[in-house]
Amino acid sequence: LLEANRPKDMKRISLLVYEDAVLSALSGPLDILVGTNRFLEEKGRPPAFEVELVSERLKNIRLHLPAQFICQKTLAEATATDLIIAPAFTGDPEAVLEKNRALIDWIEAMHRQGAEVASLCYGSYFLAEAGLLAGKACTSHWRTVDDMQRRYPEAEVLPDAVITDQEGVYTSGGAFSSLNLLLYLVEKFCGRAVCIEISKLFSVDMDRVSQAHFAVFQGQRDHGDEEILKAQAYIEQHYDDDISIEEVAARTNMSRRNFVRRFKKATHNTPLEYLQRVRVEAAKKGLETSTQTIGTLMYDVGYNDAKAFREVFKRFTGLT
């Protein structure tokens, strides 16, 4: 009877709840989806979403902080859904994934039955573990990129992307940037006009395409090539000097060609790209913490050409 009374176009959305989930990654989707329903009803239209909280076993889930959710369904009871949302988690990915294996298996099974799936921030690990990101572009929090690429080499991790959408599999960027995926889903299922109103209601910028300016470049060091590690350290210590690739290669006793090949294999950047990233990170910190002029800052991080500095800065951060 309840199924018969549901509006024909209403989407059933299953929001997964588990102990390690980030509170805002649960409350944010609830606010936006329920807020969209309320807005539609005020306009005399039927609600667009039926949101249900789903957990593995217990219906009373206490999070890692002082908050708890009373879930409506267990995995065994949730046998039909249109869209699953895997929220972000806090903690070591290895431990969280092992602890929530049943959720991952359920996501995979429901996707085989035709359900779409979405991840918020670190929730991308759940989709990857379920095998749903193989051969697909995806995104996550910028801090996960190296680990995601190592664990799931068949996935194309886009560190700067805010949203990806491929064949009913959605992923989103880090922390509160994942709210943009909720707006994207509102637009997809309710239309652009409704999305604009919900964006205004919740004061969330629409159509953000990059989270690059939030990322903190810390260098890729998890590769074990000692000579390349020495080269990275040298670049990081002398980025403000007029250093050349030949100079750095000579310090590793390699030819330029061999050095570039090994450096890119180890860090996934050419030496020049790595130098540029280090300089841009230094410039970002200077802008955040000092009152230097752009010209002074540019010289301090090793650039003499204002046009080149602006182009490189925008390429890596997405901002002027």
C-alpha atoms as a PDB file:
ATOM      1  CA  LEU A   1       0.000   0.000   0.000  1.00  0.00           C
ATOM      2  CA  LEU A   2       2.831   2.389   0.871  1.00  0.00           C
ATOM      3  CA  GLU A   3       4.581   1.563  -2.411  1.00  0.00           C
ATOM      4  CA  ALA A   4       1.383   2.224  -4.343  1.00  0.00           C
ATOM      5  CA  ASN A   5       1.005   5.654  -2.731  1.00  0.00           C
ATOM      6  CA  ARG A   6       4.551   6.783  -3.500  1.00  0.00           C
ATOM      7  CA  PRO A   7       4.758   9.492  -6.218  1.00  0.00           C
ATOM      8  CA  LYS A   8       5.835   7.892  -9.472  1.00  0.00           C
ATOM      9  CA  ASP A   9       9.048   9.925  -9.848  1.00  0.00           C
ATOM     10  CA  MET A  10      10.089   9.847  -6.181  1.00  0.00           C
ATOM     11  CA  LYS A  11      13.636   8.565  -5.664  1.00  0.00           C
ATOM     12  CA  ARG A  12      14.288   6.260  -2.725  1.00  0.00           C
ATOM     13  CA  ILE A  13      17.669   7.232  -1.292  1.00  0.00           C
ATOM     14  CA  SER A  14      19.459   4.986   1.199  1.00  0.00           C
ATOM     15  CA  LEU A  15      21.916   6.888   3.383  1.00  0.00           C
ATOM     16  CA  LEU A  16      24.324   4.489   5.044  1.00  0.00           C
ATOM     17  CA  VAL A  17      24.963   4.981   8.751  1.00  0.00           C
ATOM     18  CA  TYR A  18      27.891   3.380  10.576  1.00  0.00           C
ATOM     19  CA  GLU A  19      29.949   4.112  13.671  1.00  0.00           C
ATOM     20  CA  ASP A  20      32.901   5.701  11.856  1.00  0.00           C
ATOM     21  CA  ALA A  21      30.796   8.030   9.698  1.00  0.00           C
ATOM     22  CA  VAL A  22      31.436  11.779   9.812  1.00  0.00           C
ATOM     23  CA  LEU A  23      28.450  13.545  11.340  1.00  0.00           C
ATOM     24  CA  SER A  24      28.283  16.327   8.742  1.00  0.00           C
ATOM     25  CA  ALA A  25      28.365  13.725   5.946  1.00  0.00           C
ATOM     26  CA  LEU A  26      25.093  12.388   7.352  1.00  0.00           C
ATOM     27  CA  SER A  27      23.404  15.610   8.453  1.00  0.00           C
ATOM     28  CA  GLY A  28      24.370  17.525   5.275  1.00  0.00           C
ATOM     29  CA  PRO A  29      22.621  15.162   2.842  1.00  0.00           C
ATOM     30  CA  LEU A  30      19.614  14.936   5.160  1.00  0.00           C
ATOM     31  CA  ASP A  31      19.323  18.719   5.331  1.00  0.00           C
ATOM     32  CA  ILE A  32      19.556  19.217   1.562  1.00  0.00           C
ATOM     33  CA  LEU A  33      17.329  16.316   0.505  1.00  0.00           C
ATOM     34  CA  VAL A  34      14.645  16.989   3.127  1.00  0.00           C
ATOM     35  CA  GLY A  35      14.945  20.724   2.420  1.00  0.00           C
ATOM     36  CA  THR A  36      14.330  20.041  -1.276  1.00  0.00           C
ATOM     37  CA  ASN A  37      11.182  18.071  -0.419  1.00  0.00           C
ATOM     38  CA  ARG A  38       9.947  20.918   1.777  1.00  0.00           C
ATOM     39  CA  PHE A  39      10.607  23.477  -0.964  1.00  0.00           C
ATOM     40  CA  LEU A  40       8.724  21.393  -3.539  1.00  0.00           C
ATOM     41  CA  GLU A  41       5.756  20.905  -1.226  1.00  0.00           C
ATOM     42  CA  GLU A  42       5.591  24.671  -0.582  1.00  0.00           C
ATOM     43  CA  LYS A  43       5.305  25.080  -4.363  1.00  0.00           C
ATOM     44  CA  GLY A  44       2.448  22.571  -4.500  1.00  0.00           C
ATOM     45  CA  ARG A  45       4.589  19.823  -6.000  1.00  0.00           C
ATOM     46  CA  PRO A  46       5.130  16.282  -4.700  1.00  0.00           C
ATOM     47  CA  PRO A  47       8.332  15.530  -2.763  1.00  0.00           C
ATOM     48  CA  ALA A  48      11.198  14.190  -4.874  1.00  0.00           C
ATOM     49  CA  PHE A  49      13.011  12.011  -2.340  1.00  0.00           C
ATOM     50  CA  GLU A  50      12.206   9.301   0.156  1.00  0.00           C
ATOM     51  CA  VAL A  51      15.260   9.230   2.407  1.00  0.00           C
ATOM     52  CA  GLU A  52      15.911   6.183   4.580  1.00  0.00           C
ATOM     53  CA  LEU A  53      18.731   5.577   7.063  1.00  0.00           C
ATOM     54  CA  VAL A  54      20.238   2.119   6.582  1.00  0.00           C
ATOM     55  CA  SER A  55      22.707   0.315   8.849  1.00  0.00           C
ATOM     56  CA  GLU A  56      24.230  -3.138   9.070  1.00  0.00           C
ATOM     57  CA  ARG A  57      22.481  -4.604  12.106  1.00  0.00           C
ATOM     58  CA  LEU A  58      21.689  -2.346  15.034  1.00  0.00           C
ATOM     59  CA  LYS A  59      19.019   0.245  14.433  1.00  0.00           C
ATOM     60  CA  ASN A  60      20.537   2.580  17.019  1.00  0.00           C
ATOM     61  CA  ILE A  61      23.975   3.624  15.731  1.00  0.00           C
ATOM     62  CA  ARG A  62      26.240   5.624  18.008  1.00  0.00           C
ATOM     63  CA  LEU A  63      28.894   7.529  16.085  1.00  0.00           C
ATOM     64  CA  HIS A  64      32.500   7.960  17.206  1.00  0.00           C
ATOM     65  CA  LEU A  65      31.496  11.301  18.723  1.00  0.00           C
ATOM     66  CA  PRO A  66      28.516  12.251  20.957  1.00  0.00           C
ATOM     67  CA  ALA A  67      25.793  11.632  18.374  1.00  0.00           C
ATOM     68  CA  GLN A  68      23.595   8.732  17.403  1.00  0.00           C
ATOM     69  CA  PHE A  69      21.110   7.854  14.662  1.00  0.00           C
ATOM     70  CA  ILE A  70      18.078   5.606  14.800  1.00  0.00           C
ATOM     71  CA  CYS A  71      18.068   3.796  11.472  1.00  0.00           C
ATOM     72  CA  GLN A  72      14.880   2.738   9.737  1.00  0.00           C
ATOM     73  CA  LYS A  73      16.235  -0.390   8.072  1.00  0.00           C
ATOM     74  CA  THR A  74      19.015  -2.916   8.370  1.00  0.00           C
ATOM     75  CA  LEU A  75      20.844  -4.147   5.272  1.00  0.00           C
ATOM     76  CA  ALA A  76      18.701  -7.275   5.276  1.00  0.00           C
ATOM     77  CA  GLU A  77      15.520  -5.192   5.298  1.00  0.00           C
ATOM     78  CA  ALA A  78      16.639  -2.704   2.632  1.00  0.00           C
ATOM     79  CA  THR A  79      15.976  -4.784  -0.466  1.00  0.00           C
ATOM     80  CA  ALA A  80      15.129  -2.020  -2.931  1.00  0.00           C
ATOM     81  CA  THR A  81      16.546   1.448  -3.469  1.00  0.00           C
ATOM     82  CA  ASP A  82      17.246   3.897  -6.268  1.00  0.00           C
ATOM     83  CA  LEU A  83      20.393   5.550  -4.898  1.00  0.00           C
ATOM     84  CA  ILE A  84      22.831   4.634  -2.120  1.00  0.00           C
ATOM     85  CA  ILE A  85      24.920   7.351  -0.475  1.00  0.00           C
ATOM     86  CA  ALA A  86      28.128   6.284   1.298  1.00  0.00           C
ATOM     87  CA  PRO A  87      29.162   9.104   3.658  1.00  0.00           C
ATOM     88  CA  ALA A  88      32.702  10.014   4.656  1.00  0.00           C
ATOM     89  CA  PHE A  89      34.422   8.318   7.574  1.00  0.00           C
ATOM     90  CA  THR A  90      37.141   9.187  10.031  1.00  0.00           C
ATOM     91  CA  GLY A  91      39.984   6.834  10.938  1.00  0.00           C
ATOM     92  CA  ASP A  92      42.367   4.451   9.220  1.00  0.00           C
ATOM     93  CA  PRO A  93      40.869   3.276   5.904  1.00  0.00           C
ATOM     94  CA  GLU A  94      42.154  -0.279   6.346  1.00  0.00           C
ATOM     95  CA  ALA A  95      40.427  -0.680   9.718  1.00  0.00           C
ATOM     96  CA  VAL A  96      37.217   1.069   8.664  1.00  0.00           C
ATOM     97  CA  LEU A  97      36.859  -0.996   5.493  1.00  0.00           C
ATOM     98  CA  GLU A  98      37.446  -4.262   7.326  1.00  0.00           C
ATOM     99  CA  LYS A  99      34.955  -3.304  10.022  1.00  0.00           C
ATOM    100  CA  ASN A 100      32.272  -2.411   7.463  1.00  0.00           C
ATOM    101  CA  ARG A 101      32.721  -5.229   4.975  1.00  0.00           C
ATOM    102  CA  ALA A 102      28.995  -6.040   5.107  1.00  0.00           C
ATOM    103  CA  LEU A 103      28.142  -2.514   3.916  1.00  0.00           C
ATOM    104  CA  ILE A 104      30.550  -2.860   1.003  1.00  0.00           C
ATOM    105  CA  ASP A 105      29.082  -6.219  -0.026  1.00  0.00           C
ATOM    106  CA  TRP A 106      25.574  -4.744   0.179  1.00  0.00           C
ATOM    107  CA  ILE A 107      26.558  -1.774  -2.004  1.00  0.00           C
ATOM    108  CA  GLU A 108      27.935  -4.154  -4.632  1.00  0.00           C
ATOM    109  CA  ALA A 109      24.829  -6.381  -4.527  1.00  0.00           C
ATOM    110  CA  MET A 110      22.404  -3.475  -4.759  1.00  0.00           C
ATOM    111  CA  HIS A 111      24.350  -1.933  -7.638  1.00  0.00           C
ATOM    112  CA  ARG A 112      24.048  -5.247  -9.516  1.00  0.00           C
ATOM    113  CA  GLN A 113      20.292  -4.955  -9.019  1.00  0.00           C
ATOM    114  CA  GLY A 114      20.310  -1.532 -10.674  1.00  0.00           C
ATOM    115  CA  ALA A 115      20.767   0.929  -7.805  1.00  0.00           C
ATOM    116  CA  GLU A 116      22.909   4.001  -8.416  1.00  0.00           C
ATOM    117  CA  VAL A 117      25.634   4.732  -5.864  1.00  0.00           C
ATOM    118  CA  ALA A 118      27.271   7.903  -4.597  1.00  0.00           C
ATOM    119  CA  SER A 119      30.153   8.630  -2.243  1.00  0.00           C
ATOM    120  CA  LEU A 120      30.871  11.698  -0.154  1.00  0.00           C
ATOM    121  CA  CYS A 121      34.542  12.475   0.454  1.00  0.00           C
ATOM    122  CA  TYR A 122      36.252   9.392   1.997  1.00  0.00           C
ATOM    123  CA  GLY A 123      33.154   7.342   1.171  1.00  0.00           C
ATOM    124  CA  SER A 124      34.838   6.710  -2.185  1.00  0.00           C
ATOM    125  CA  TYR A 125      36.769   3.897  -0.482  1.00  0.00           C
ATOM    126  CA  PHE A 126      33.498   1.982  -0.051  1.00  0.00           C
ATOM    127  CA  LEU A 127      32.708   2.253  -3.765  1.00  0.00           C
ATOM    128  CA  ALA A 128      36.255   1.276  -4.741  1.00  0.00           C
ATOM    129  CA  GLU A 129      36.220  -1.739  -2.415  1.00  0.00           C
ATOM    130  CA  ALA A 130      32.930  -2.802  -3.978  1.00  0.00           C
ATOM    131  CA  GLY A 131      34.693  -2.787  -7.380  1.00  0.00           C
ATOM    132  CA  LEU A 132      32.543   0.034  -8.736  1.00  0.00           C
ATOM    133  CA  LEU A 133      35.355   2.464  -9.587  1.00  0.00           C
ATOM    134  CA  ALA A 134      37.419   0.140 -11.783  1.00  0.00           C
ATOM    135  CA  GLY A 135      37.830   1.761 -15.185  1.00  0.00           C
ATOM    136  CA  LYS A 136      36.035   4.906 -14.028  1.00  0.00           C
ATOM    137  CA  ALA A 137      37.097   8.437 -13.206  1.00  0.00           C
ATOM    138  CA  CYS A 138      36.462   9.308  -9.574  1.00  0.00           C
ATOM    139  CA  THR A 139      37.372  11.833  -6.908  1.00  0.00           C
ATOM    140  CA  SER A 140      37.664  12.036  -3.135  1.00  0.00           C
ATOM    141  CA  HIS A 141      39.308  14.159  -0.471  1.00  0.00           C
ATOM    142  CA  TRP A 142      42.639  15.473  -1.780  1.00  0.00           C
ATOM    143  CA  ARG A 143      44.442  13.737   1.106  1.00  0.00           C
ATOM    144  CA  THR A 144      43.329  10.296  -0.139  1.00  0.00           C
ATOM    145  CA  VAL A 145      44.718  10.569  -3.665  1.00  0.00           C
ATOM    146  CA  ASP A 146      48.044   8.752  -3.255  1.00  0.00           C
ATOM    147  CA  ASP A 147      46.495   5.993  -1.144  1.00  0.00           C
ATOM    148  CA  MET A 148      43.542   5.565  -3.519  1.00  0.00           C
ATOM    149  CA  GLN A 149      45.856   5.321  -6.526  1.00  0.00           C
ATOM    150  CA  ARG A 150      47.982   2.721  -4.752  1.00  0.00           C
ATOM    151  CA  ARG A 151      45.055   0.598  -3.549  1.00  0.00           C
ATOM    152  CA  TYR A 152      42.904   0.854  -6.659  1.00  0.00           C
ATOM    153  CA  PRO A 153      45.171   1.205  -9.722  1.00  0.00           C
ATOM    154  CA  GLU A 154      42.262   0.501 -12.093  1.00  0.00           C
ATOM    155  CA  ALA A 155      40.452   3.646 -10.930  1.00  0.00           C
ATOM    156  CA  GLU A 156      41.304   7.017 -12.449  1.00  0.00           C
ATOM    157  CA  VAL A 157      41.508   9.295  -9.414  1.00  0.00           C
ATOM    158  CA  LEU A 158      41.020  12.966 -10.288  1.00  0.00           C
ATOM    159  CA  PRO A 159      42.396  14.883  -7.290  1.00  0.00           C
ATOM    160  CA  ASP A 160      41.082  18.299  -8.360  1.00  0.00           C
ATOM    161  CA  ALA A 161      37.554  17.250  -9.357  1.00  0.00           C
ATOM    162  CA  VAL A 162      34.605  18.153  -7.138  1.00  0.00           C
ATOM    163  CA  ILE A 163      32.121  15.765  -8.794  1.00  0.00           C
ATOM    164  CA  THR A 164      32.257  12.760 -11.113  1.00  0.00           C
ATOM    165  CA  ASP A 165      29.284  11.006 -12.697  1.00  0.00           C
ATOM    166  CA  GLN A 166      29.816   7.849 -14.714  1.00  0.00           C
ATOM    167  CA  GLU A 167      27.136   5.283 -15.445  1.00  0.00           C
ATOM    168  CA  GLY A 168      25.206   5.844 -12.244  1.00  0.00           C
ATOM    169  CA  VAL A 169      28.307   5.986 -10.041  1.00  0.00           C
ATOM    170  CA  TYR A 170      28.885   9.385  -8.429  1.00  0.00           C
ATOM    171  CA  THR A 171      31.837  10.573  -6.336  1.00  0.00           C
ATOM    172  CA  SER A 172      32.581  13.896  -4.680  1.00  0.00           C
ATOM    173  CA  GLY A 173      35.478  15.907  -3.327  1.00  0.00           C
ATOM    174  CA  GLY A 174      36.614  16.410   0.225  1.00  0.00           C
ATOM    175  CA  ALA A 175      34.650  17.454   3.307  1.00  0.00           C
ATOM    176  CA  PHE A 176      32.008  20.129   2.663  1.00  0.00           C
ATOM    177  CA  SER A 177      32.754  20.265  -1.078  1.00  0.00           C
ATOM    178  CA  SER A 178      30.755  17.018  -1.201  1.00  0.00           C
ATOM    179  CA  LEU A 179      27.613  19.145  -0.730  1.00  0.00           C
ATOM    180  CA  ASN A 180      28.082  20.086  -4.381  1.00  0.00           C
ATOM    181  CA  LEU A 181      27.285  16.492  -5.298  1.00  0.00           C
ATOM    182  CA  LEU A 182      24.002  16.801  -3.393  1.00  0.00           C
ATOM    183  CA  LEU A 183      23.166  19.924  -5.396  1.00  0.00           C
ATOM    184  CA  TYR A 184      24.143  18.080  -8.570  1.00  0.00           C
ATOM    185  CA  LEU A 185      21.725  15.261  -7.704  1.00  0.00           C
ATOM    186  CA  VAL A 186      18.970  17.759  -6.922  1.00  0.00           C
ATOM    187  CA  GLU A 187      19.493  19.318 -10.352  1.00  0.00           C
ATOM    188  CA  LYS A 188      19.592  15.922 -12.065  1.00  0.00           C
ATOM    189  CA  PHE A 189      16.367  14.690 -10.478  1.00  0.00           C
ATOM    190  CA  CYS A 190      14.442  17.968  -9.949  1.00  0.00           C
ATOM    191  CA  GLY A 191      15.770  20.357 -12.584  1.00  0.00           C
ATOM    192  CA  ARG A 192      18.014  23.410 -12.729  1.00  0.00           C
ATOM    193  CA  ALA A 193      15.479  25.883 -11.365  1.00  0.00           C
ATOM    194  CA  VAL A 194      14.936  23.868  -8.173  1.00  0.00           C
ATOM    195  CA  CYS A 195      18.683  23.394  -7.749  1.00  0.00           C
ATOM    196  CA  ILE A 196      19.255  27.157  -7.938  1.00  0.00           C
ATOM    197  CA  GLU A 197      16.704  27.744  -5.191  1.00  0.00           C
ATOM    198  CA  ILE A 198      18.201  25.039  -2.958  1.00  0.00           C
ATOM    199  CA  SER A 199      21.684  26.467  -3.564  1.00  0.00           C
ATOM    200  CA  LYS A 200      20.427  29.843  -2.359  1.00  0.00           C
ATOM    201  CA  LEU A 201      18.555  28.330   0.575  1.00  0.00           C
ATOM    202  CA  PHE A 202      21.643  26.543   1.900  1.00  0.00           C
ATOM    203  CA  SER A 203      24.179  29.169   0.719  1.00  0.00           C
ATOM    204  CA  VAL A 204      26.226  26.592  -1.203  1.00  0.00           C
ATOM    205  CA  ASP A 205      27.971  27.742  -4.395  1.00  0.00           C
ATOM    206  CA  MET A 206      26.800  25.874  -7.469  1.00  0.00           C
ATOM    207  CA  ASP A 207      28.900  24.493 -10.312  1.00  0.00           C
ATOM    208  CA  ARG A 208      32.222  24.330  -8.491  1.00  0.00           C
ATOM    209  CA  VAL A 209      34.562  22.256 -10.617  1.00  0.00           C
ATOM    210  CA  SER A 210      37.840  22.234  -8.669  1.00  0.00           C
ATOM    211  CA  GLN A 211      39.024  21.630  -5.128  1.00  0.00           C
ATOM    212  CA  ALA A 212      42.673  22.136  -6.101  1.00  0.00           C
ATOM    213  CA  HIS A 213      43.103  25.336  -4.106  1.00  0.00           C
ATOM    214  CA  PHE A 214      42.327  23.452  -0.878  1.00  0.00           C
ATOM    215  CA  ALA A 215      44.989  20.794  -1.445  1.00  0.00           C
ATOM    216  CA  VAL A 216      48.251  20.960   0.480  1.00  0.00           C
ATOM    217  CA  PHE A 217      51.130  19.623  -1.632  1.00  0.00           C
ATOM    218  CA  GLN A 218      53.330  17.490   0.603  1.00  0.00           C
ATOM    219  CA  GLY A 219      55.387  15.672  -2.007  1.00  0.00           C
ATOM    220  CA  GLN A 220      55.055  12.059  -3.066  1.00  0.00           C
ATOM    221  CA  ARG A 221      57.532  10.074  -0.962  1.00  0.00           C
ATOM    222  CA  ASP A 222      55.945   6.654  -0.661  1.00  0.00           C
ATOM    223  CA  HIS A 223      58.013   5.098  -3.461  1.00  0.00           C
ATOM    224  CA  GLY A 224      61.282   3.850  -1.916  1.00  0.00           C
ATOM    225  CA  ASP A 225      63.683   5.249  -4.543  1.00  0.00           C
ATOM    226  CA  GLU A 226      66.422   6.734  -2.347  1.00  0.00           C
ATOM    227  CA  GLU A 227      68.087   8.754  -5.111  1.00  0.00           C
ATOM    228  CA  ILE A 228      64.805  10.348  -6.104  1.00  0.00           C
ATOM    229  CA  LEU A 229      64.033  11.103  -2.455  1.00  0.00           C
ATOM    230  CA  LYS A 230      67.362  12.977  -2.284  1.00  0.00           C
ATOM    231  CA  ALA A 231      66.423  14.907  -5.428  1.00  0.00           C
ATOM    232  CA  GLN A 232      63.024  15.807  -3.950  1.00  0.00           C
ATOM    233  CA  ALA A 233      64.659  17.050  -0.763  1.00  0.00           C
ATOM    234  CA  TYR A 234      67.090  19.182  -2.768  1.00  0.00           C
ATOM    235  CA  ILE A 235      64.262  20.737  -4.808  1.00  0.00           C
ATOM    236  CA  GLU A 236      62.260  21.474  -1.645  1.00  0.00           C
ATOM    237  CA  GLN A 237      65.257  23.146  -0.001  1.00  0.00           C
ATOM    238  CA  HIS A 238      66.313  25.199  -3.041  1.00  0.00           C
ATOM    239  CA  TYR A 239      63.039  25.907  -4.866  1.00  0.00           C
ATOM    240  CA  ASP A 240      63.639  29.649  -4.556  1.00  0.00           C
ATOM    241  CA  ASP A 241      66.987  29.392  -6.391  1.00  0.00           C
ATOM    242  CA  ASP A 242      67.465  29.312 -10.142  1.00  0.00           C
ATOM    243  CA  ILE A 243      67.996  25.533 -10.212  1.00  0.00           C
ATOM    244  CA  SER A 244      67.923  23.434 -13.364  1.00  0.00           C
ATOM    245  CA  ILE A 245      66.888  19.838 -13.997  1.00  0.00           C
ATOM    246  CA  GLU A 246      70.441  19.095 -15.159  1.00  0.00           C
ATOM    247  CA  GLU A 247      71.791  20.341 -11.836  1.00  0.00           C
ATOM    248  CA  VAL A 248      69.448  18.117  -9.814  1.00  0.00           C
ATOM    249  CA  ALA A 249      70.131  15.122 -12.085  1.00  0.00           C
ATOM    250  CA  ALA A 250      73.888  15.593 -11.609  1.00  0.00           C
ATOM    251  CA  ARG A 251      73.439  15.350  -7.849  1.00  0.00           C
ATOM    252  CA  THR A 252      71.930  11.882  -8.314  1.00  0.00           C
ATOM    253  CA  ASN A 253      74.699  10.791 -10.720  1.00  0.00           C
ATOM    254  CA  MET A 254      72.200  10.143 -13.486  1.00  0.00           C
ATOM    255  CA  SER A 255      71.834  11.365 -17.014  1.00  0.00           C
ATOM    256  CA  ARG A 256      69.067  13.897 -17.513  1.00  0.00           C
ATOM    257  CA  ARG A 257      66.988  11.417 -19.485  1.00  0.00           C
ATOM    258  CA  ASN A 258      67.292   8.625 -16.923  1.00  0.00           C
ATOM    259  CA  PHE A 259      66.669  11.022 -14.051  1.00  0.00           C
ATOM    260  CA  VAL A 260      63.462  12.395 -15.600  1.00  0.00           C
ATOM    261  CA  ARG A 261      62.211   8.863 -16.298  1.00  0.00           C
ATOM    262  CA  ARG A 262      62.881   7.633 -12.741  1.00  0.00           C
ATOM    263  CA  PHE A 263      61.543  10.815 -11.141  1.00  0.00           C
ATOM    264  CA  LYS A 264      58.245  10.605 -13.013  1.00  0.00           C
ATOM    265  CA  LYS A 265      57.872   6.890 -12.256  1.00  0.00           C
ATOM    266  CA  ALA A 266      58.404   7.535  -8.538  1.00  0.00           C
ATOM    267  CA  THR A 267      56.404  10.750  -8.038  1.00  0.00           C
ATOM    268  CA  HIS A 268      53.973  10.818 -10.997  1.00  0.00           C
ATOM    269  CA  ASN A 269      55.359  14.291 -11.805  1.00  0.00           C
ATOM    270  CA  THR A 270      58.193  15.402 -14.030  1.00  0.00           C
ATOM    271  CA  PRO A 271      60.974  17.186 -12.106  1.00  0.00           C
ATOM    272  CA  LEU A 272      59.789  20.501 -13.557  1.00  0.00           C
ATOM    273  CA  GLU A 273      56.188  19.866 -12.465  1.00  0.00           C
ATOM    274  CA  TYR A 274      57.427  18.924  -9.001  1.00  0.00           C
ATOM    275  CA  LEU A 275      59.462  22.141  -8.747  1.00  0.00           C
ATOM    276  CA  GLN A 276      56.429  24.145  -9.877  1.00  0.00           C
ATOM    277  CA  ARG A 277      54.185  22.444  -7.311  1.00  0.00           C
ATOM    278  CA  VAL A 278      56.648  23.154  -4.504  1.00  0.00           C
ATOM    279  CA  ARG A 279      56.888  26.803  -5.551  1.00  0.00           C
ATOM    280  CA  VAL A 280      53.111  27.179  -5.793  1.00  0.00           C
ATOM    281  CA  GLU A 281      52.655  25.618  -2.359  1.00  0.00           C
ATOM    282  CA  ALA A 282      55.157  28.113  -0.943  1.00  0.00           C
ATOM    283  CA  ALA A 283      53.282  30.940  -2.662  1.00  0.00           C
ATOM    284  CA  LYS A 284      49.947  29.739  -1.244  1.00  0.00           C
ATOM    285  CA  LYS A 285      51.380  29.737   2.273  1.00  0.00           C
ATOM    286  CA  GLY A 286      52.794  33.214   1.691  1.00  0.00           C
ATOM    287  CA  LEU A 287      49.394  34.512   0.593  1.00  0.00           C
ATOM    288  CA  GLU A 288      47.715  32.916   3.592  1.00  0.00           C
ATOM    289  CA  THR A 289      50.123  34.113   6.252  1.00  0.00           C
ATOM    290  CA  SER A 290      51.817  37.341   5.120  1.00  0.00           C
ATOM    291  CA  THR A 291      51.038  40.779   3.711  1.00  0.00           C
ATOM    292  CA  GLN A 292      53.633  40.630   0.937  1.00  0.00           C
ATOM    293  CA  THR A 293      52.758  42.015  -2.458  1.00  0.00           C
ATOM    294  CA  ILE A 294      52.266  39.533  -5.284  1.00  0.00           C
ATOM    295  CA  GLY A 295      55.472  40.785  -6.922  1.00  0.00           C
ATOM    296  CA  THR A 296      57.585  40.253  -3.810  1.00  0.00           C
ATOM    297  CA  LEU A 297      56.027  36.864  -3.197  1.00  0.00           C
ATOM    298  CA  MET A 298      56.692  35.836  -6.788  1.00  0.00           C
ATOM    299  CA  TYR A 299      60.424  36.579  -6.448  1.00  0.00           C
ATOM    300  CA  ASP A 300      60.593  34.862  -3.058  1.00  0.00           C
ATOM    301  CA  VAL A 301      59.380  31.548  -4.514  1.00  0.00           C
ATOM    302  CA  GLY A 302      61.752  31.616  -7.487  1.00  0.00           C
ATOM    303  CA  TYR A 303      59.880  33.347 -10.318  1.00  0.00           C
ATOM    304  CA  ASN A 304      61.029  36.411 -12.270  1.00  0.00           C
ATOM    305  CA  ASP A 305      58.261  36.441 -14.872  1.00  0.00           C
ATOM    306  CA  ALA A 306      54.865  37.604 -13.559  1.00  0.00           C
ATOM    307  CA  LYS A 307      52.961  36.093 -16.496  1.00  0.00           C
ATOM    308  CA  ALA A 308      54.577  32.671 -15.997  1.00  0.00           C
ATOM    309  CA  PHE A 309      53.908  32.805 -12.249  1.00  0.00           C
ATOM    310  CA  ARG A 310      50.220  33.632 -12.766  1.00  0.00           C
ATOM    311  CA  GLU A 311      49.787  30.846 -15.314  1.00  0.00           C
ATOM    312  CA  VAL A 312      51.458  28.192 -13.153  1.00  0.00           C
ATOM    313  CA  PHE A 313      49.580  29.291 -10.016  1.00  0.00           C
ATOM    314  CA  LYS A 314      46.217  29.110 -11.777  1.00  0.00           C
ATOM    315  CA  ARG A 315      47.044  25.740 -13.386  1.00  0.00           C
ATOM    316  CA  PHE A 316      47.717  24.083 -10.035  1.00  0.00           C
ATOM    317  CA  THR A 317      45.137  25.836  -7.838  1.00  0.00           C
ATOM    318  CA  GLY A 318      42.323  26.740 -10.212  1.00  0.00           C
ATOM    319  CA  LEU A 319      42.481  30.308  -8.843  1.00  0.00           C
ATOM    320  CA  THR A 320      44.191  33.547  -9.806  1.00  0.00           C
END
